[in-house]
Amino acid sequence: MANEQDFAILFSGGTDSLALYGLLTAGHLQDLMRPRSIHLLHMLNGMSRFHDFPKERYHVARKILAKRASEKEKLVDSFYLELDMGRLFQGLWLDTYEILMPKYNGKNLVCVACKLAMHTRAIIYCVENFVPMLTTGYTKKQSYYPEQTPIFMEKMADLSSSFGIATTFPVYNEFDDKTVTRHVLEDFGLPSTGGGERKCLFSQTLTNAKEDEIGQYVDDMMPKLKSFIDFRLDGKVKKAAEIFPPGNTYGQE
């Protein structure tokens, strides 16, 4: 089709992002056309183990979907890429968390910072590779995670839109129960249980941050993120790096 375009997925290898991949390949998402190709972006934050898990889950899924594809409508091309956003993640939280936490009522926003880094890195990739659509497997059933709240998603959509990228959350309301995701995966013949995600040091970290605190933190970081993206896209790597200097230099001249 002439109006087909590339899509990117923030791909963790978990059941939700895997189901999103299956639905996109079939063009079975409301309001989203069947893509020309799919870029599965797996982010490395420097705090995780077993990176082969999501990669293997992708390769298994692609083989299954290829067998189910018809001669008339072959499987959509897809690419699995690992992108490093560890330094950006550190700059957003870990380097200066002792200074940042009191500003947000002492709340732990480490996972919000990680997702901010992921979206920022994904926006840069999408702009540089002419991928106009970025999708995620965020779901209502996981809205207890601060980075899967409506306030966070709204601000990420606004950030990407300012760089010409449309970020959508197409399964957020549909996947409000894990049984829905499981049904979708089983319909495609895909693995319907866990085992596809890498193991992150901060997985299941306690936080009781509210939307006001999440939104304020994201708003405070937004000017830095926009400058960082602008500098990166302009090839000004030194200026980009200076946006998030190492924490052990804080306060030094």
Protein backbone atom coordinates (compact mmCIF):
# COMPACT_ATOMS: atom_id res chain seq x y z
CA MET A 1 0.00 0.00 0.00
CA ALA A 2 1.23 3.46 -0.87
CA ASN A 3 0.45 4.87 2.57
CA GLU A 4 2.31 2.17 4.51
CA GLN A 5 5.01 3.47 6.84
CA ASP A 6 7.53 2.21 9.35
CA PHE A 7 6.66 1.67 13.01
CA ALA A 8 8.89 1.30 16.06
CA ILE A 9 8.06 -0.61 19.24
CA LEU A 10 9.68 -0.14 22.62
CA PHE A 11 10.24 -3.87 22.94
CA SER A 12 10.96 -5.39 26.35
CA GLY A 13 10.31 -8.96 25.26
CA GLY A 14 7.48 -9.26 27.78
CA THR A 15 4.00 -10.45 26.92
CA ASP A 16 2.50 -7.01 26.26
CA SER A 17 5.16 -5.78 23.82
CA LEU A 18 5.18 -9.23 22.19
CA ALA A 19 1.40 -9.12 21.69
CA LEU A 20 1.74 -5.61 20.28
CA TYR A 21 4.30 -6.92 17.78
CA GLY A 22 1.92 -9.67 16.69
CA LEU A 23 -1.01 -7.30 16.29
CA LEU A 24 1.05 -4.81 14.28
CA THR A 25 2.30 -7.48 11.87
CA ALA A 26 -1.31 -8.45 11.15
CA GLY A 27 -2.64 -4.89 10.95
CA HIS A 28 -5.14 -5.72 13.69
CA LEU A 29 -4.88 -2.53 15.70
CA GLN A 30 -7.71 -0.03 15.57
CA ASP A 31 -6.74 3.27 13.93
CA LEU A 32 -3.26 1.98 12.99
CA MET A 33 -2.47 0.75 9.49
CA ARG A 34 -0.42 -2.37 8.80
CA PRO A 35 3.20 -1.15 8.81
CA ARG A 36 5.71 -1.38 6.02
CA SER A 37 8.31 -2.54 8.53
CA ILE A 38 8.68 -2.74 12.31
CA HIS A 39 11.73 -1.65 14.29
CA LEU A 40 11.79 -3.38 17.67
CA LEU A 41 13.88 -1.16 19.94
CA HIS A 42 15.26 -2.88 23.02
CA MET A 43 16.88 -0.49 25.47
CA LEU A 44 19.92 -1.27 27.60
CA ASN A 45 20.05 0.78 30.80
CA GLY A 46 23.28 -0.66 32.16
CA MET A 47 21.48 -2.16 35.14
CA SER A 48 20.14 -5.39 33.64
CA ARG A 49 21.09 -9.00 32.96
CA PHE A 50 20.16 -11.72 30.46
CA HIS A 51 19.88 -9.51 27.37
CA ASP A 52 19.55 -12.64 25.24
CA PHE A 53 16.04 -13.25 26.66
CA PRO A 54 14.19 -10.57 24.61
CA LYS A 55 16.35 -11.20 21.56
CA GLU A 56 15.54 -14.92 21.59
CA ARG A 57 11.87 -14.20 22.25
CA TYR A 58 11.82 -11.96 19.17
CA HIS A 59 13.51 -14.57 16.93
CA VAL A 60 11.10 -17.29 18.07
CA ALA A 61 8.11 -15.01 17.52
CA ARG A 62 9.27 -13.99 14.06
CA LYS A 63 9.62 -17.63 12.97
CA ILE A 64 6.12 -18.42 14.25
CA LEU A 65 4.56 -15.41 12.56
CA ALA A 66 6.39 -16.18 9.29
CA LYS A 67 4.90 -19.67 9.21
CA ARG A 68 1.42 -18.27 9.71
CA ALA A 69 1.78 -15.64 6.99
CA SER A 70 0.18 -16.32 3.63
CA GLU A 71 1.81 -16.10 0.22
CA LYS A 72 -0.52 -13.23 -0.62
CA GLU A 73 0.30 -11.24 2.50
CA LYS A 74 3.82 -12.08 3.62
CA LEU A 75 5.16 -11.23 7.03
CA VAL A 76 5.98 -7.57 7.59
CA ASP A 77 9.74 -6.96 7.69
CA SER A 78 11.05 -6.42 11.19
CA PHE A 79 14.35 -5.50 12.81
CA TYR A 80 15.53 -6.07 16.37
CA LEU A 81 17.96 -3.45 17.67
CA GLU A 82 19.60 -2.93 21.03
CA LEU A 83 20.16 0.73 21.93
CA ASP A 84 22.24 1.87 24.88
CA MET A 85 20.71 4.61 27.02
CA GLY A 86 22.62 3.91 30.25
CA ARG A 87 24.53 7.17 30.44
CA LEU A 88 21.35 9.16 29.82
CA PHE A 89 19.55 7.15 32.53
CA GLN A 90 22.34 7.94 34.97
CA GLY A 91 22.17 11.63 34.15
CA LEU A 92 18.42 11.74 34.66
CA TRP A 93 18.43 10.19 38.11
CA LEU A 94 21.25 8.04 39.45
CA ASP A 95 24.01 10.66 39.33
CA THR A 96 22.18 13.13 41.56
CA TYR A 97 19.30 11.23 43.17
CA GLU A 98 20.25 12.51 46.63
CA ILE A 99 19.57 16.02 45.38
CA LEU A 100 16.54 15.13 43.26
CA MET A 101 14.50 13.03 45.70
CA PRO A 102 13.78 15.83 48.21
CA LYS A 103 12.33 17.92 45.37
CA TYR A 104 9.65 15.26 44.81
CA ASN A 105 8.66 14.52 48.40
CA GLY A 106 11.35 11.87 48.74
CA LYS A 107 9.69 9.66 46.14
CA ASN A 108 11.62 7.03 44.21
CA LEU A 109 11.41 7.96 40.51
CA VAL A 110 14.18 5.72 39.23
CA CYS A 111 11.90 3.81 36.84
CA VAL A 112 10.37 7.03 35.55
CA ALA A 113 13.87 8.28 34.75
CA CYS A 114 14.68 5.02 33.00
CA LYS A 115 11.59 5.26 30.80
CA LEU A 116 12.37 8.92 30.09
CA ALA A 117 15.76 7.84 28.82
CA MET A 118 14.18 5.09 26.72
CA HIS A 119 11.73 7.45 25.05
CA THR A 120 14.44 10.03 24.44
CA ARG A 121 16.72 7.47 22.81
CA ALA A 122 13.81 6.11 20.77
CA ILE A 123 12.90 9.58 19.49
CA ILE A 124 16.46 10.15 18.32
CA TYR A 125 16.46 6.77 16.56
CA CYS A 126 13.10 7.40 14.90
CA VAL A 127 14.10 10.83 13.60
CA GLU A 128 17.44 9.61 12.28
CA ASN A 129 15.89 6.55 10.59
CA PHE A 130 12.70 8.17 9.27
CA VAL A 131 10.34 6.11 11.45
CA PRO A 132 7.29 8.33 12.04
CA MET A 133 5.40 6.10 14.49
CA LEU A 134 6.55 4.93 17.93
CA THR A 135 4.38 2.50 19.89
CA THR A 136 4.60 0.95 23.35
CA GLY A 137 2.98 -1.96 25.16
CA TYR A 138 1.98 0.08 28.19
CA THR A 139 -1.24 -1.26 29.71
CA LYS A 140 -3.88 -0.15 32.20
CA LYS A 141 -3.34 -3.30 34.26
CA GLN A 142 0.18 -2.02 35.00
CA SER A 143 -0.77 1.58 35.73
CA TYR A 144 0.53 1.11 39.27
CA TYR A 145 3.94 1.63 37.67
CA PRO A 146 4.59 5.40 37.67
CA GLU A 147 5.94 5.25 34.12
CA GLN A 148 2.69 3.71 32.82
CA THR A 149 0.37 6.41 34.14
CA PRO A 150 -1.66 8.69 31.87
CA ILE A 151 0.33 11.77 32.93
CA PHE A 152 3.60 10.17 31.88
CA MET A 153 2.23 8.90 28.57
CA GLU A 154 0.71 12.27 27.73
CA LYS A 155 4.00 14.04 28.29
CA MET A 156 5.94 11.47 26.24
CA ALA A 157 3.51 11.88 23.36
CA ASP A 158 3.99 15.66 23.54
CA LEU A 159 7.79 15.31 23.62
CA SER A 160 7.92 13.05 20.58
CA SER A 161 5.38 15.18 18.71
CA SER A 162 7.68 18.20 19.05
CA PHE A 163 10.22 16.24 16.96
CA GLY A 164 7.71 15.03 14.38
CA ILE A 165 7.23 11.54 15.84
CA ALA A 166 3.79 10.21 16.82
CA THR A 167 3.94 8.13 20.01
CA THR A 168 0.88 5.98 20.67
CA PHE A 169 -0.20 3.51 23.34
CA PRO A 170 -2.55 1.33 21.30
CA VAL A 171 -3.16 -1.50 23.78
CA TYR A 172 -3.37 0.54 26.99
CA ASN A 173 -7.13 0.19 27.42
CA GLU A 174 -7.53 -3.11 25.58
CA PHE A 175 -5.00 -4.97 27.72
CA ASP A 176 -6.65 -4.10 31.04
CA ASP A 177 -6.38 -7.72 32.20
CA LYS A 178 -3.60 -10.25 31.69
CA THR A 179 -6.07 -12.78 30.27
CA VAL A 180 -6.67 -10.47 27.29
CA THR A 181 -2.98 -10.39 26.47
CA ARG A 182 -2.78 -14.15 26.84
CA HIS A 183 -5.69 -14.67 24.44
CA VAL A 184 -4.05 -12.45 21.82
CA LEU A 185 -0.74 -14.30 22.09
CA GLU A 186 -2.37 -17.71 21.90
CA ASP A 187 -4.36 -16.63 18.84
CA PHE A 188 -1.05 -15.90 17.11
CA GLY A 189 0.55 -19.08 18.45
CA LEU A 190 3.06 -16.99 20.37
CA PRO A 191 4.46 -17.68 23.87
CA SER A 192 1.83 -16.49 26.34
CA THR A 193 3.79 -16.57 29.59
CA GLY A 194 6.83 -14.72 30.94
CA GLY A 195 10.48 -15.37 30.25
CA GLY A 196 11.11 -12.83 27.49
CA GLU A 197 12.20 -9.85 29.56
CA ARG A 198 15.70 -9.10 30.79
CA LYS A 199 16.20 -8.90 34.53
CA CYS A 200 16.67 -5.33 35.76
CA LEU A 201 18.25 -4.37 39.06
CA PHE A 202 15.37 -1.97 39.73
CA SER A 203 12.60 -4.42 38.84
CA GLN A 204 9.77 -4.28 41.42
CA THR A 205 11.37 -1.34 43.20
CA LEU A 206 8.90 0.17 45.68
CA THR A 207 7.52 3.60 44.85
CA ASN A 208 4.32 5.36 45.88
CA ALA A 209 4.83 8.41 43.70
CA LYS A 210 1.65 10.19 42.69
CA GLU A 211 0.85 11.77 39.34
CA ASP A 212 1.66 15.27 40.62
CA GLU A 213 5.19 14.21 41.55
CA ILE A 214 5.67 12.21 38.36
CA GLY A 215 4.43 15.09 36.22
CA GLN A 216 6.58 17.65 38.02
CA TYR A 217 9.72 15.56 37.61
CA VAL A 218 9.07 15.03 33.89
CA ASP A 219 8.36 18.74 33.42
CA ASP A 220 11.60 19.63 35.19
CA MET A 221 13.58 17.30 32.94
CA MET A 222 11.83 18.29 29.71
CA PRO A 223 13.99 21.33 28.79
CA LYS A 224 17.14 19.25 29.27
CA LEU A 225 15.74 16.40 27.20
CA LYS A 226 14.72 18.68 24.34
CA SER A 227 18.15 20.31 24.31
CA PHE A 228 19.82 16.91 24.45
CA ILE A 229 17.81 15.65 21.47
CA ASP A 230 18.43 18.83 19.49
CA PHE A 231 22.19 18.65 20.07
CA ARG A 232 22.33 14.95 19.21
CA LEU A 233 20.38 15.45 16.00
CA ASP A 234 22.61 18.39 15.06
CA GLY A 235 25.73 16.31 15.66
CA LYS A 236 26.84 18.49 18.58
CA VAL A 237 27.89 15.57 20.74
CA LYS A 238 29.92 17.62 23.23
CA LYS A 239 27.04 19.98 23.96
CA ALA A 240 24.71 16.97 24.31
CA ALA A 241 27.05 15.33 26.81
CA GLU A 242 27.27 18.53 28.83
CA ILE A 243 23.51 18.45 29.46
CA PHE A 244 23.98 15.53 31.88
CA PRO A 245 27.45 15.75 33.46
CA PRO A 246 28.56 12.98 35.86
CA GLY A 247 27.20 13.35 39.38
CA ASN A 248 30.63 13.22 41.01
CA THR A 249 31.37 16.60 39.42
CA TYR A 250 28.27 18.25 40.91
CA GLY A 251 29.10 21.63 42.43
CA GLN A 252 32.62 21.67 41.04
CA GLU A 253 33.78 24.56 38.92
